[in-house]
Protein backbone atom coordinates (compact mmCIF):
# COMPACT_ATOMS: atom_id res chain seq x y z
CA MET A 1 80.90 114.41 114.94
CA GLU A 2 80.73 110.78 113.84
CA THR A 3 83.17 108.09 114.98
CA PHE A 4 83.98 105.04 112.86
CA SER A 5 85.01 101.57 113.87
CA HIS A 6 85.75 98.93 111.26
CA ASP A 7 86.17 95.23 111.83
CA TRP A 8 87.30 94.45 108.28
CA ASN A 9 89.81 91.67 108.00
CA TYR A 10 90.55 91.62 104.27
CA GLU A 11 93.89 91.51 102.48
CA GLY A 12 94.97 95.09 101.80
CA ARG A 13 92.85 96.60 104.60
CA ASP A 14 96.00 97.17 106.64
CA ASN A 15 97.38 99.27 103.78
CA ILE A 16 94.67 101.92 104.16
CA ALA A 17 94.94 104.58 106.85
CA LEU A 18 92.17 103.98 109.39
CA LEU A 19 89.43 106.60 109.48
CA LEU A 20 88.99 107.67 113.09
CA GLU A 21 86.27 110.27 112.79
CA LYS A 22 84.36 112.56 110.47
CA ILE A 23 83.56 116.15 111.44
CA GLU A 24 81.14 118.22 109.37
CA ASP A 25 80.32 121.90 109.50
CA ASP A 26 78.35 124.13 107.12
CA ASN A 27 81.24 124.39 104.65
CA ASP A 28 83.55 121.41 105.08
CA ILE A 29 83.87 117.74 105.92
CA TRP A 30 86.99 116.84 107.89
CA LEU A 31 88.18 113.24 107.84
CA CYS A 32 90.63 112.30 110.59
CA TYR A 33 92.89 109.30 109.94
CA THR A 34 95.61 107.46 111.81
CA LEU A 35 99.07 108.70 110.97
CA GLU A 36 101.76 106.02 110.72
CA GLY A 37 105.16 106.60 109.16
CA LYS A 38 106.42 109.28 106.78
CA SER A 39 105.47 110.01 103.20
CA LEU A 40 107.21 107.90 100.61
CA ASN A 41 108.22 111.11 98.85
CA SER A 42 110.08 112.45 101.89
CA GLN A 43 111.69 109.03 102.42
CA LEU A 44 113.01 109.03 98.83
CA PHE A 45 113.96 112.62 98.01
CA GLN A 46 114.72 116.00 99.47
CA VAL A 47 114.00 118.68 96.87
CA LYS A 48 115.20 122.23 97.33
CA GLY A 49 114.32 125.00 94.91
CA GLU A 50 115.95 128.37 94.44
CA PHE A 51 115.01 131.26 92.18
CA TYR A 52 118.09 132.43 90.28
CA LYS A 53 118.21 134.91 87.37
CA GLY A 54 114.52 134.51 86.62
CA GLU A 55 114.60 130.70 86.69
CA TRP A 56 113.84 128.05 89.28
CA ILE A 57 116.77 125.74 89.89
CA TYR A 58 116.18 122.54 91.84
CA SER A 59 118.51 120.30 93.76
CA VAL A 60 117.37 116.72 94.40
CA LEU A 61 119.09 114.84 97.21
CA TYR A 62 118.44 111.10 97.32
CA GLN A 63 117.61 109.88 100.81
CA PRO A 64 118.96 106.62 102.33
CA THR A 65 115.64 104.84 101.68
CA TYR A 66 115.97 105.58 97.95
CA LYS A 67 119.44 104.09 97.88
CA ILE A 68 118.32 100.99 99.81
CA LEU A 69 115.30 100.41 97.52
CA LYS A 70 117.48 100.88 94.44
CA ARG A 71 119.88 98.22 95.72
CA ASP A 72 117.33 95.76 97.21
CA LYS A 73 114.88 94.70 94.48
CA GLN A 74 113.05 92.33 96.85
CA LEU A 75 112.32 95.19 99.24
CA LEU A 76 111.13 97.32 96.30
CA ARG A 77 108.81 94.47 95.21
CA GLU A 78 107.47 94.24 98.76
CA LEU A 79 106.74 97.98 98.80
CA PHE A 80 104.85 97.83 95.50
CA THR A 81 103.01 94.67 96.59
CA GLU A 82 101.75 96.43 99.72
CA ILE A 83 100.60 99.47 97.71
CA ILE A 84 98.82 97.22 95.20
CA LYS A 85 97.10 95.30 98.02
CA GLY A 86 95.70 98.60 99.30
CA VAL A 87 94.51 99.67 95.84
CA LYS A 88 92.97 96.23 95.27
CA PHE A 89 91.14 96.47 98.60
CA LEU A 90 89.72 99.87 97.65
CA SER A 91 88.73 98.47 94.25
CA SER A 92 86.86 95.59 95.93
CA LEU A 93 84.77 98.26 97.71
CA GLY A 94 84.16 100.13 94.44
CA ILE A 95 86.39 103.05 95.49
CA VAL A 96 88.88 104.86 93.26
CA HIS A 97 91.51 106.78 95.24
CA GLY A 98 92.07 109.32 92.47
CA ASP A 99 95.45 110.65 93.65
CA ILE A 100 97.95 107.84 94.27
CA LYS A 101 101.42 109.38 94.46
CA PRO A 102 104.43 109.15 96.80
CA ASP A 103 103.10 111.98 99.00
CA ASN A 104 99.93 109.94 99.65
CA ILE A 105 101.70 106.77 100.72
CA LEU A 106 103.06 106.56 104.25
CA ILE A 107 105.79 104.08 105.02
CA ASP A 108 107.26 103.06 108.33
CA PHE A 109 110.72 101.80 107.38
CA ASP A 110 113.42 100.97 109.90
CA GLY A 111 116.27 100.85 107.37
CA THR A 112 116.00 97.12 106.73
CA LYS A 113 112.31 96.17 106.92
CA LEU A 114 109.02 97.80 105.95
CA GLN A 115 106.96 97.95 109.12
CA SER A 116 103.86 99.35 107.40
CA VAL A 117 102.64 100.87 104.14
CA LYS A 118 99.47 103.02 104.27
CA ILE A 119 97.52 104.87 101.60
CA ILE A 120 96.26 108.28 102.78
CA ASP A 121 94.43 111.38 101.50
CA PHE A 122 91.07 110.43 100.07
CA GLY A 123 90.15 113.98 99.05
CA SER A 124 89.98 112.98 95.37
CA ALA A 125 88.40 109.55 95.95
CA PHE A 126 85.10 108.56 94.39
CA GLU A 127 82.84 105.53 94.12
CA LEU A 128 82.46 103.62 90.89
CA GLU A 129 78.89 103.53 89.67
């Protein structure tokens, strides 16, 4: 088991989930990160699927966060700015995330203000050569 401590103070660093420890065994490497907020996907949509007459039928329910972001363009800009800061920080380290999507972005949103935006899940990440 290896524990990590970073003293990086760069713009965008706060938009990356903090790696707490790495655990390796013969078959796997487990990376343990801080968990702050809920996935952007779950904050935007609730998707329910049902199999009916040989077809999948989906219902998409828009969550309150979706409606707020749709109405408040400044808040939407702030969200994207925070995501881009995180991607830019990774880029400055020569790292490509490889799987940026709403499920891999955690937001802590109180209904009026974004408290934090974190990029998670580095299972597809790689270094640029």
